Amino acid sequence: MNKKPHPNSILRGKLKLVIKENFKILYKLPKTLRPKLKIPLGRLIKTDIYQTIREQLSRGKNSKLITVGDISTETLVKANIIPYVAVIDNKVRRMPRNKEVEVPGSITIEAKNPPATITEEAWKAIKNALESKKQPVKVVIEGEEDLLVIPAVIEAPINTLICYGQPNEGVVLIRVTERVKDKFQKILNQMQTE
């Protein structure tokens, strides 16, 4: 008899572990901040994307890659650039996809995160993914993953490379430094808290 998985669960390989926590929104995106977040929050790469990412990964000491977004993740995986952590929501421009992004050898963590929010569950899922001894980790979001670049930057180790898509333009690369973490914390401080 197949039981439906608990909505707040972590999938590790074939084992599903239930997270016994309440769904809690930590931050909401105010309308005044939306235009600022549409501007690339790092270096916009329009050409030679794969080569640039490979070069950046080889330059940083202990550099790892986090991808946020289905197309960014899928495109890099097809180019054999496997992220340490991939955050996806099975959507492209808020439209559902008919297949989930495959990340070879990955384990999966699931979390809920409604549009224009950052939930405690999603934040913890990213943190758990970064701390996991088994890599790569795919964080599958029920809702929307757009704002999850913020906790990814804040939680990621120094020198991590974070990649997300900039619609119709290319990809944005962020090298995590203390200065970059401060910049993202300031963005977070401008969001509405529950």
N, C-alpha and C. Protein backbone atom coordinates (compact mmCIF):
# COMPACT_ATOMS: atom_id res chain seq x y z
N MET A 1 0.84 -1.19 0.00
CA MET A 1 0.00 0.00 0.00
C MET A 1 0.88 1.25 0.00
N ASN A 2 0.72 2.11 -1.00
CA ASN A 2 1.52 3.33 -1.11
C ASN A 2 0.84 4.46 -0.36
N LYS A 3 1.57 5.03 0.59
CA LYS A 3 1.05 6.19 1.31
C LYS A 3 1.58 7.45 0.64
N LYS A 4 0.74 8.46 0.57
CA LYS A 4 1.17 9.74 0.02
C LYS A 4 2.17 10.38 0.98
N PRO A 5 3.32 10.91 0.46
CA PRO A 5 4.30 11.51 1.36
C PRO A 5 3.75 12.73 2.08
N HIS A 6 4.22 12.93 3.28
CA HIS A 6 3.86 14.11 4.07
C HIS A 6 4.29 15.35 3.29
N PRO A 7 3.48 16.43 3.29
CA PRO A 7 3.84 17.62 2.51
C PRO A 7 5.13 18.30 2.97
N ASN A 8 5.51 18.16 4.21
CA ASN A 8 6.77 18.72 4.71
C ASN A 8 7.75 17.58 4.92
N SER A 9 8.43 17.18 3.86
CA SER A 9 9.30 16.02 3.99
C SER A 9 10.62 16.23 3.27
N ILE A 10 11.61 15.48 3.72
CA ILE A 10 12.92 15.48 3.07
C ILE A 10 13.09 14.13 2.41
N LEU A 11 13.51 14.13 1.17
CA LEU A 11 13.76 12.89 0.46
C LEU A 11 15.26 12.70 0.35
N ARG A 12 15.79 11.66 0.95
CA ARG A 12 17.22 11.38 0.88
C ARG A 12 17.36 10.05 0.14
N GLY A 13 17.77 10.14 -1.13
CA GLY A 13 17.83 8.94 -1.93
C GLY A 13 16.43 8.38 -2.04
N LYS A 14 16.21 7.18 -1.52
CA LYS A 14 14.88 6.57 -1.56
C LYS A 14 14.15 6.69 -0.24
N LEU A 15 14.80 7.24 0.78
CA LEU A 15 14.20 7.35 2.10
C LEU A 15 13.60 8.74 2.28
N LYS A 16 12.33 8.79 2.64
CA LYS A 16 11.68 10.07 2.87
C LYS A 16 11.56 10.30 4.37
N LEU A 17 12.10 11.44 4.83
CA LEU A 17 12.04 11.80 6.24
C LEU A 17 11.08 12.97 6.41
N VAL A 18 10.22 12.91 7.38
CA VAL A 18 9.23 13.96 7.59
C VAL A 18 9.80 15.06 8.48
N ILE A 19 9.63 16.31 8.05
CA ILE A 19 10.01 17.46 8.86
C ILE A 19 8.78 17.85 9.66
N LYS A 20 8.85 17.79 10.96
CA LYS A 20 7.69 18.12 11.80
C LYS A 20 7.80 19.57 12.24
N GLU A 21 7.51 20.46 11.33
CA GLU A 21 7.56 21.89 11.62
C GLU A 21 6.34 22.55 11.01
N ASN A 22 5.97 23.67 11.56
CA ASN A 22 4.88 24.44 10.98
C ASN A 22 5.40 25.27 9.83
N PHE A 23 4.54 25.45 8.85
CA PHE A 23 4.85 26.29 7.71
C PHE A 23 4.87 27.74 8.18
N LYS A 24 6.00 28.41 8.03
CA LYS A 24 6.10 29.78 8.52
C LYS A 24 6.80 30.66 7.50
N ILE A 25 6.16 31.78 7.14
CA ILE A 25 6.78 32.75 6.23
C ILE A 25 7.67 33.66 7.07
N LEU A 26 8.95 33.71 6.71
CA LEU A 26 9.89 34.59 7.41
C LEU A 26 9.89 35.99 6.80
N TYR A 27 9.86 36.05 5.45
CA TYR A 27 9.97 37.34 4.76
C TYR A 27 9.00 37.38 3.58
N LYS A 28 8.44 38.59 3.36
CA LYS A 28 7.60 38.84 2.18
C LYS A 28 8.24 39.97 1.39
N LEU A 29 8.17 39.86 0.08
CA LEU A 29 8.73 40.87 -0.80
C LEU A 29 7.77 42.04 -0.94
N PRO A 30 8.16 43.23 -0.49
CA PRO A 30 7.28 44.39 -0.69
C PRO A 30 7.35 44.87 -2.15
N LYS A 31 6.27 45.46 -2.62
CA LYS A 31 6.23 45.94 -4.01
C LYS A 31 7.34 46.94 -4.30
N THR A 32 7.73 47.71 -3.30
CA THR A 32 8.76 48.74 -3.51
C THR A 32 10.14 48.13 -3.82
N LEU A 33 10.37 46.89 -3.41
CA LEU A 33 11.67 46.24 -3.61
C LEU A 33 11.74 45.45 -4.92
N ARG A 34 10.60 45.18 -5.52
CA ARG A 34 10.55 44.36 -6.74
C ARG A 34 11.42 44.89 -7.88
N PRO A 35 11.37 46.20 -8.21
CA PRO A 35 12.21 46.68 -9.31
C PRO A 35 13.71 46.46 -9.06
N LYS A 36 14.14 46.62 -7.81
CA LYS A 36 15.55 46.44 -7.46
C LYS A 36 15.99 44.99 -7.69
N LEU A 37 15.12 44.04 -7.41
CA LEU A 37 15.48 42.63 -7.54
C LEU A 37 15.39 42.13 -8.98
N LYS A 38 14.84 42.93 -9.87
CA LYS A 38 14.82 42.55 -11.29
C LYS A 38 16.16 42.85 -11.96
N ILE A 39 16.95 43.70 -11.32
CA ILE A 39 18.29 44.04 -11.81
C ILE A 39 19.23 42.92 -11.36
N PRO A 40 20.18 42.48 -12.23
CA PRO A 40 21.11 41.43 -11.82
C PRO A 40 21.83 41.78 -10.51
N LEU A 41 21.86 40.82 -9.59
CA LEU A 41 22.48 41.03 -8.28
C LEU A 41 23.94 40.57 -8.26
N GLY A 42 24.48 40.30 -9.42
CA GLY A 42 25.87 39.89 -9.58
C GLY A 42 26.32 40.22 -10.99
N ARG A 43 27.26 39.45 -11.49
CA ARG A 43 27.81 39.67 -12.83
C ARG A 43 26.93 38.97 -13.87
N LEU A 44 26.41 39.74 -14.83
CA LEU A 44 25.58 39.20 -15.89
C LEU A 44 26.47 38.63 -16.99
N ILE A 45 26.29 37.35 -17.30
CA ILE A 45 27.06 36.68 -18.35
C ILE A 45 26.11 36.39 -19.50
N LYS A 46 26.45 36.94 -20.67
CA LYS A 46 25.59 36.77 -21.84
C LYS A 46 26.16 35.78 -22.85
N THR A 47 27.48 35.67 -22.90
CA THR A 47 28.13 34.77 -23.86
C THR A 47 29.17 33.92 -23.14
N ASP A 48 29.57 32.82 -23.76
CA ASP A 48 30.58 31.92 -23.19
C ASP A 48 30.26 31.55 -21.74
N ILE A 49 29.00 31.26 -21.49
CA ILE A 49 28.53 30.99 -20.13
C ILE A 49 29.26 29.80 -19.51
N TYR A 50 29.31 28.68 -20.23
CA TYR A 50 29.93 27.47 -19.67
C TYR A 50 31.41 27.69 -19.38
N GLN A 51 32.09 28.29 -20.34
CA GLN A 51 33.52 28.55 -20.16
C GLN A 51 33.76 29.47 -18.97
N THR A 52 32.96 30.51 -18.85
CA THR A 52 33.10 31.46 -17.75
C THR A 52 32.87 30.77 -16.40
N ILE A 53 31.84 29.94 -16.32
CA ILE A 53 31.55 29.25 -15.06
C ILE A 53 32.68 28.28 -14.72
N ARG A 54 33.15 27.53 -15.70
CA ARG A 54 34.28 26.60 -15.44
C ARG A 54 35.51 27.36 -14.97
N GLU A 55 35.81 28.48 -15.60
CA GLU A 55 36.97 29.30 -15.19
C GLU A 55 36.79 29.81 -13.77
N GLN A 56 35.59 30.30 -13.45
CA GLN A 56 35.33 30.84 -12.12
C GLN A 56 35.43 29.74 -11.05
N LEU A 57 34.94 28.55 -11.37
CA LEU A 57 35.04 27.43 -10.42
C LEU A 57 36.49 27.03 -10.18
N SER A 58 37.30 27.09 -11.22
CA SER A 58 38.71 26.69 -11.07
C SER A 58 39.53 27.77 -10.34
N ARG A 59 39.08 29.00 -10.38
CA ARG A 59 39.81 30.10 -9.72
C ARG A 59 39.61 30.16 -8.22
N GLY A 60 38.44 29.86 -7.76
CA GLY A 60 38.14 29.99 -6.34
C GLY A 60 38.61 28.79 -5.55
N LYS A 61 39.26 29.03 -4.44
CA LYS A 61 39.72 27.94 -3.56
C LYS A 61 38.49 27.24 -2.97
N ASN A 62 38.45 25.91 -3.12
CA ASN A 62 37.31 25.11 -2.65
C ASN A 62 35.98 25.64 -3.18
N SER A 63 35.98 26.15 -4.38
CA SER A 63 34.79 26.75 -4.96
C SER A 63 33.76 25.70 -5.32
N LYS A 64 32.51 25.96 -4.94
CA LYS A 64 31.39 25.08 -5.27
C LYS A 64 30.33 25.91 -5.95
N LEU A 65 29.45 25.22 -6.66
CA LEU A 65 28.41 25.90 -7.43
C LEU A 65 27.03 25.61 -6.86
N ILE A 66 26.24 26.67 -6.70
CA ILE A 66 24.82 26.57 -6.38
C ILE A 66 24.06 27.17 -7.56
N THR A 67 23.05 26.45 -8.03
CA THR A 67 22.20 27.01 -9.08
C THR A 67 20.81 27.25 -8.50
N VAL A 68 20.18 28.32 -8.94
CA VAL A 68 18.81 28.62 -8.54
C VAL A 68 18.02 28.83 -9.83
N GLY A 69 17.07 27.93 -10.07
CA GLY A 69 16.25 28.02 -11.28
C GLY A 69 16.37 26.77 -12.12
N ASP A 70 15.26 26.39 -12.73
CA ASP A 70 15.20 25.16 -13.52
C ASP A 70 16.06 25.22 -14.77
N ILE A 71 15.94 26.29 -15.54
CA ILE A 71 16.67 26.37 -16.81
C ILE A 71 18.17 26.48 -16.56
N SER A 72 18.57 27.31 -15.61
CA SER A 72 19.99 27.44 -15.28
C SER A 72 20.57 26.09 -14.88
N THR A 73 19.87 25.41 -14.00
CA THR A 73 20.35 24.10 -13.53
C THR A 73 20.41 23.10 -14.67
N GLU A 74 19.32 22.97 -15.41
CA GLU A 74 19.24 22.00 -16.49
C GLU A 74 20.31 22.26 -17.56
N THR A 75 20.50 23.51 -17.93
CA THR A 75 21.48 23.86 -18.96
C THR A 75 22.90 23.51 -18.53
N LEU A 76 23.23 23.82 -17.27
CA LEU A 76 24.57 23.53 -16.78
C LEU A 76 24.80 22.03 -16.64
N VAL A 77 23.79 21.30 -16.18
CA VAL A 77 23.92 19.84 -16.06
C VAL A 77 24.16 19.22 -17.44
N LYS A 78 23.45 19.71 -18.46
CA LYS A 78 23.65 19.19 -19.83
C LYS A 78 25.07 19.47 -20.32
N ALA A 79 25.70 20.54 -19.80
CA ALA A 79 27.08 20.87 -20.16
C ALA A 79 28.08 20.19 -19.22
N ASN A 80 27.57 19.24 -18.40
CA ASN A 80 28.38 18.48 -17.44
C ASN A 80 29.00 19.36 -16.35
N ILE A 81 28.30 20.42 -16.00
CA ILE A 81 28.68 21.26 -14.85
C ILE A 81 27.62 20.97 -13.79
N ILE A 82 28.00 20.13 -12.83
CA ILE A 82 27.03 19.65 -11.84
C ILE A 82 27.10 20.53 -10.59
N PRO A 83 25.97 21.15 -10.22
CA PRO A 83 25.99 22.00 -9.03
C PRO A 83 26.09 21.18 -7.75
N TYR A 84 26.66 21.78 -6.75
CA TYR A 84 26.75 21.24 -5.40
C TYR A 84 25.34 21.21 -4.80
N VAL A 85 24.60 22.31 -5.01
CA VAL A 85 23.20 22.43 -4.61
C VAL A 85 22.45 23.07 -5.77
N ALA A 86 21.29 22.49 -6.12
CA ALA A 86 20.42 23.05 -7.16
C ALA A 86 19.06 23.32 -6.54
N VAL A 87 18.58 24.54 -6.70
CA VAL A 87 17.26 24.93 -6.16
C VAL A 87 16.33 25.12 -7.35
N ILE A 88 15.28 24.30 -7.42
CA ILE A 88 14.36 24.35 -8.55
C ILE A 88 12.91 24.36 -8.05
N ASP A 89 11.99 24.75 -8.95
CA ASP A 89 10.57 24.73 -8.57
C ASP A 89 9.68 24.06 -9.63
N ASN A 90 10.33 23.39 -10.61
CA ASN A 90 9.60 22.71 -11.69
C ASN A 90 8.70 23.66 -12.47
N LYS A 91 9.18 24.90 -12.62
CA LYS A 91 8.46 25.89 -13.41
C LYS A 91 9.46 26.70 -14.23
N VAL A 92 8.97 27.25 -15.33
CA VAL A 92 9.74 28.20 -16.12
C VAL A 92 8.85 29.41 -16.32
N ARG A 93 9.29 30.54 -15.84
CA ARG A 93 8.49 31.77 -15.88
C ARG A 93 7.10 31.54 -15.30
N ARG A 94 7.09 30.88 -14.16
CA ARG A 94 5.88 30.60 -13.37
C ARG A 94 4.91 29.62 -14.03
N MET A 95 5.31 29.03 -15.15
CA MET A 95 4.48 28.02 -15.82
C MET A 95 5.03 26.64 -15.49
N PRO A 96 4.16 25.70 -15.07
CA PRO A 96 4.63 24.36 -14.72
C PRO A 96 5.32 23.65 -15.90
N ARG A 97 6.36 22.88 -15.56
CA ARG A 97 7.06 22.07 -16.56
C ARG A 97 6.49 20.66 -16.51
N ASN A 98 6.67 19.93 -17.60
CA ASN A 98 6.16 18.56 -17.62
C ASN A 98 7.18 17.55 -17.11
N LYS A 99 8.41 18.00 -16.80
CA LYS A 99 9.40 17.09 -16.24
C LYS A 99 10.30 17.83 -15.26
N GLU A 100 10.80 17.09 -14.29
CA GLU A 100 11.68 17.67 -13.28
C GLU A 100 13.12 17.64 -13.77
N VAL A 101 13.89 18.62 -13.39
CA VAL A 101 15.31 18.70 -13.74
C VAL A 101 16.04 17.53 -13.09
N GLU A 102 16.83 16.83 -13.88
CA GLU A 102 17.64 15.72 -13.37
C GLU A 102 19.04 16.23 -13.02
N VAL A 103 19.48 15.93 -11.81
CA VAL A 103 20.85 16.23 -11.39
C VAL A 103 21.48 14.89 -11.02
N PRO A 104 22.40 14.37 -11.85
CA PRO A 104 22.94 13.03 -11.63
C PRO A 104 23.50 12.84 -10.22
N GLY A 105 23.10 11.72 -9.60
CA GLY A 105 23.62 11.35 -8.29
C GLY A 105 23.10 12.17 -7.12
N SER A 106 22.08 12.98 -7.38
CA SER A 106 21.62 13.89 -6.32
C SER A 106 20.64 13.22 -5.36
N ILE A 107 20.60 13.78 -4.15
CA ILE A 107 19.52 13.49 -3.22
C ILE A 107 18.59 14.70 -3.28
N THR A 108 17.38 14.55 -2.76
CA THR A 108 16.39 15.62 -2.89
C THR A 108 15.85 16.03 -1.54
N ILE A 109 15.72 17.33 -1.37
CA ILE A 109 15.04 17.91 -0.21
C ILE A 109 13.86 18.71 -0.76
N GLU A 110 12.69 18.53 -0.18
CA GLU A 110 11.50 19.24 -0.63
C GLU A 110 11.10 20.29 0.40
N ALA A 111 10.60 21.42 -0.08
CA ALA A 111 10.14 22.48 0.82
C ALA A 111 9.08 23.32 0.13
N LYS A 112 8.26 23.98 0.94
CA LYS A 112 7.23 24.89 0.41
C LYS A 112 7.73 26.32 0.52
N ASN A 113 7.43 27.10 -0.51
CA ASN A 113 7.79 28.51 -0.52
C ASN A 113 6.88 29.26 -1.49
N PRO A 114 5.78 29.87 -1.00
CA PRO A 114 4.86 30.58 -1.89
C PRO A 114 5.57 31.73 -2.63
N PRO A 115 5.00 32.19 -3.75
CA PRO A 115 5.58 33.30 -4.50
C PRO A 115 5.80 34.54 -3.62
N ALA A 116 6.88 35.26 -3.90
CA ALA A 116 7.22 36.53 -3.24
C ALA A 116 7.45 36.38 -1.74
N THR A 117 7.90 35.19 -1.32
CA THR A 117 8.17 34.96 0.10
C THR A 117 9.47 34.17 0.26
N ILE A 118 9.95 34.15 1.49
CA ILE A 118 10.99 33.21 1.91
C ILE A 118 10.45 32.55 3.18
N THR A 119 10.23 31.25 3.11
CA THR A 119 9.71 30.53 4.27
C THR A 119 10.85 29.96 5.10
N GLU A 120 10.52 29.70 6.35
CA GLU A 120 11.49 29.05 7.24
C GLU A 120 11.86 27.67 6.69
N GLU A 121 10.88 26.98 6.15
CA GLU A 121 11.10 25.64 5.60
C GLU A 121 12.08 25.67 4.43
N ALA A 122 11.91 26.63 3.52
CA ALA A 122 12.80 26.74 2.36
C ALA A 122 14.21 27.13 2.80
N TRP A 123 14.29 28.06 3.75
CA TRP A 123 15.60 28.50 4.25
C TRP A 123 16.34 27.31 4.86
N LYS A 124 15.63 26.54 5.70
CA LYS A 124 16.25 25.37 6.34
C LYS A 124 16.62 24.31 5.31
N ALA A 125 15.82 24.17 4.26
CA ALA A 125 16.14 23.19 3.21
C ALA A 125 17.46 23.55 2.53
N ILE A 126 17.67 24.84 2.25
CA ILE A 126 18.93 25.28 1.64
C ILE A 126 20.09 25.06 2.60
N LYS A 127 19.89 25.42 3.85
CA LYS A 127 20.94 25.22 4.86
C LYS A 127 21.28 23.73 5.00
N ASN A 128 20.26 22.88 5.08
CA ASN A 128 20.49 21.44 5.17
C ASN A 128 21.21 20.90 3.93
N ALA A 129 20.85 21.42 2.76
CA ALA A 129 21.50 20.99 1.52
C ALA A 129 22.98 21.34 1.54
N LEU A 130 23.30 22.54 2.01
CA LEU A 130 24.70 22.96 2.07
C LEU A 130 25.50 22.16 3.09
N GLU A 131 24.84 21.71 4.15
CA GLU A 131 25.52 20.96 5.21
C GLU A 131 25.52 19.45 4.97
N SER A 132 24.79 19.00 3.96
CA SER A 132 24.68 17.57 3.72
C SER A 132 26.03 16.96 3.36
N LYS A 133 26.29 15.77 3.90
CA LYS A 133 27.53 15.06 3.59
C LYS A 133 27.45 14.41 2.21
N LYS A 134 26.22 14.18 1.72
CA LYS A 134 26.04 13.61 0.38
C LYS A 134 25.71 14.73 -0.58
N GLN A 135 26.49 14.83 -1.63
CA GLN A 135 26.28 15.85 -2.64
C GLN A 135 26.24 15.19 -4.01
N PRO A 136 25.62 15.76 -5.00
CA PRO A 136 24.85 17.01 -4.97
C PRO A 136 23.49 16.84 -4.31
N VAL A 137 22.89 18.00 -3.98
CA VAL A 137 21.55 18.03 -3.39
C VAL A 137 20.66 18.88 -4.28
N LYS A 138 19.47 18.37 -4.54
CA LYS A 138 18.47 19.12 -5.30
C LYS A 138 17.39 19.54 -4.32
N VAL A 139 17.17 20.84 -4.20
CA VAL A 139 16.11 21.38 -3.34
C VAL A 139 14.92 21.68 -4.25
N VAL A 140 13.86 20.90 -4.09
CA VAL A 140 12.68 21.06 -4.94
C VAL A 140 11.64 21.85 -4.15
N ILE A 141 11.29 22.99 -4.70
CA ILE A 141 10.39 23.93 -4.03
C ILE A 141 8.98 23.78 -4.59
N GLU A 142 8.03 23.64 -3.69
CA GLU A 142 6.63 23.73 -4.06
C GLU A 142 6.25 25.19 -3.87
N GLY A 143 6.03 25.88 -4.97
CA GLY A 143 5.77 27.32 -4.91
C GLY A 143 6.69 28.02 -5.89
N GLU A 144 7.59 28.84 -5.36
CA GLU A 144 8.48 29.62 -6.23
C GLU A 144 9.85 29.77 -5.59
N GLU A 145 10.90 29.61 -6.41
CA GLU A 145 12.26 29.65 -5.88
C GLU A 145 12.99 30.97 -6.13
N ASP A 146 12.37 31.93 -6.78
CA ASP A 146 13.06 33.16 -7.20
C ASP A 146 13.83 33.86 -6.08
N LEU A 147 13.23 34.05 -4.93
CA LEU A 147 13.88 34.80 -3.85
C LEU A 147 14.89 33.96 -3.06
N LEU A 148 14.99 32.68 -3.36
CA LEU A 148 15.86 31.81 -2.57
C LEU A 148 17.34 31.98 -2.89
N VAL A 149 17.64 32.85 -3.84
CA VAL A 149 19.04 33.27 -4.05
C VAL A 149 19.54 33.95 -2.77
N ILE A 150 18.65 34.67 -2.08
CA ILE A 150 19.05 35.43 -0.89
C ILE A 150 19.54 34.50 0.23
N PRO A 151 18.74 33.52 0.68
CA PRO A 151 19.29 32.62 1.70
C PRO A 151 20.46 31.79 1.20
N ALA A 152 20.49 31.49 -0.09
CA ALA A 152 21.63 30.74 -0.65
C ALA A 152 22.93 31.52 -0.45
N VAL A 153 22.90 32.81 -0.75
CA VAL A 153 24.09 33.65 -0.57
C VAL A 153 24.46 33.76 0.91
N ILE A 154 23.47 34.02 1.74
CA ILE A 154 23.74 34.23 3.17
C ILE A 154 24.27 32.96 3.84
N GLU A 155 23.78 31.80 3.44
CA GLU A 155 24.19 30.53 4.06
C GLU A 155 25.41 29.89 3.42
N ALA A 156 25.72 30.25 2.19
CA ALA A 156 26.81 29.57 1.46
C ALA A 156 28.19 29.91 2.03
N PRO A 157 29.12 28.95 1.95
CA PRO A 157 30.50 29.24 2.36
C PRO A 157 31.12 30.30 1.45
N ILE A 158 32.10 31.02 1.99
CA ILE A 158 32.85 32.00 1.20
C ILE A 158 33.47 31.29 -0.01
N ASN A 159 33.50 31.95 -1.14
CA ASN A 159 34.02 31.48 -2.43
C ASN A 159 33.04 30.63 -3.22
N THR A 160 31.86 30.36 -2.67
CA THR A 160 30.84 29.64 -3.43
C THR A 160 30.43 30.50 -4.62
N LEU A 161 30.16 29.85 -5.73
CA LEU A 161 29.66 30.54 -6.92
C LEU A 161 28.18 30.22 -7.04
N ILE A 162 27.36 31.26 -7.14
CA ILE A 162 25.91 31.08 -7.26
C ILE A 162 25.49 31.58 -8.64
N CYS A 163 24.67 30.77 -9.31
CA CYS A 163 24.23 31.07 -10.67
C CYS A 163 22.71 31.04 -10.73
N TYR A 164 22.13 32.09 -11.30
CA TYR A 164 20.69 32.08 -11.56
C TYR A 164 20.42 32.75 -12.89
N GLY A 165 19.28 32.47 -13.47
CA GLY A 165 18.95 33.00 -14.80
C GLY A 165 18.42 34.41 -14.75
N GLN A 166 18.80 35.18 -15.77
CA GLN A 166 18.25 36.52 -15.99
C GLN A 166 17.45 36.43 -17.28
N PRO A 167 16.10 36.41 -17.20
CA PRO A 167 15.28 36.15 -18.38
C PRO A 167 15.65 36.99 -19.60
N ASN A 168 15.78 36.29 -20.73
CA ASN A 168 16.09 36.88 -22.04
C ASN A 168 17.45 37.57 -22.11
N GLU A 169 18.31 37.37 -21.11
CA GLU A 169 19.61 38.03 -21.13
C GLU A 169 20.79 37.10 -20.94
N GLY A 170 20.68 36.13 -20.05
CA GLY A 170 21.81 35.24 -19.77
C GLY A 170 21.70 34.71 -18.35
N VAL A 171 22.86 34.57 -17.70
CA VAL A 171 22.87 34.12 -16.31
C VAL A 171 23.61 35.13 -15.46
N VAL A 172 23.28 35.14 -14.18
CA VAL A 172 23.95 36.02 -13.23
C VAL A 172 24.83 35.14 -12.35
N LEU A 173 26.09 35.54 -12.20
CA LEU A 173 27.03 34.83 -11.33
C LEU A 173 27.35 35.70 -10.13
N ILE A 174 27.32 35.08 -8.97
CA ILE A 174 27.65 35.78 -7.73
C ILE A 174 28.74 34.97 -7.03
N ARG A 175 29.87 35.59 -6.76
CA ARG A 175 30.92 34.97 -5.96
C ARG A 175 30.68 35.40 -4.52
N VAL A 176 30.47 34.45 -3.62
CA VAL A 176 30.13 34.77 -2.24
C VAL A 176 31.38 35.24 -1.48
N THR A 177 31.28 36.46 -0.96
CA THR A 177 32.30 37.06 -0.11
C THR A 177 31.57 37.65 1.09
N GLU A 178 32.32 38.09 2.09
CA GLU A 178 31.66 38.75 3.24
C GLU A 178 30.93 40.00 2.79
N ARG A 179 31.51 40.73 1.85
CA ARG A 179 30.88 41.94 1.34
C ARG A 179 29.56 41.63 0.64
N VAL A 180 29.56 40.54 -0.16
CA VAL A 180 28.34 40.13 -0.86
C VAL A 180 27.29 39.67 0.15
N LYS A 181 27.69 38.93 1.17
CA LYS A 181 26.75 38.51 2.21
C LYS A 181 26.11 39.74 2.87
N ASP A 182 26.92 40.76 3.15
CA ASP A 182 26.38 42.00 3.75
C ASP A 182 25.37 42.67 2.82
N LYS A 183 25.67 42.69 1.53
CA LYS A 183 24.76 43.28 0.54
C LYS A 183 23.42 42.56 0.55
N PHE A 184 23.45 41.23 0.59
CA PHE A 184 22.22 40.45 0.57
C PHE A 184 21.47 40.55 1.90
N GLN A 185 22.20 40.69 2.99
CA GLN A 185 21.55 40.88 4.29
C GLN A 185 20.80 42.21 4.29
N LYS A 186 21.37 43.24 3.65
CA LYS A 186 20.70 44.54 3.56
C LYS A 186 19.41 44.43 2.74
N ILE A 187 19.44 43.62 1.68
CA ILE A 187 18.22 43.39 0.88
C ILE A 187 17.18 42.72 1.77
N LEU A 188 17.62 41.70 2.48
CA LEU A 188 16.72 40.96 3.37
C LEU A 188 16.10 41.88 4.42
N ASN A 189 16.89 42.81 4.95
CA ASN A 189 16.42 43.75 5.97
C ASN A 189 15.33 44.68 5.44
N GLN A 190 15.24 44.83 4.10
CA GLN A 190 14.21 45.70 3.51
C GLN A 190 12.90 44.94 3.27
N MET A 191 12.92 43.63 3.48
CA MET A 191 11.71 42.84 3.26
C MET A 191 10.82 42.87 4.48
N GLN A 192 9.55 42.57 4.26
CA GLN A 192 8.58 42.56 5.35
C GLN A 192 8.71 41.26 6.13
N THR A 193 8.67 41.36 7.45
CA THR A 193 8.72 40.15 8.27
C THR A 193 7.36 39.87 8.87
N GLU A 194 7.15 38.61 9.16
CA GLU A 194 5.85 38.18 9.72
C GLU A 194 5.84 38.42 11.21
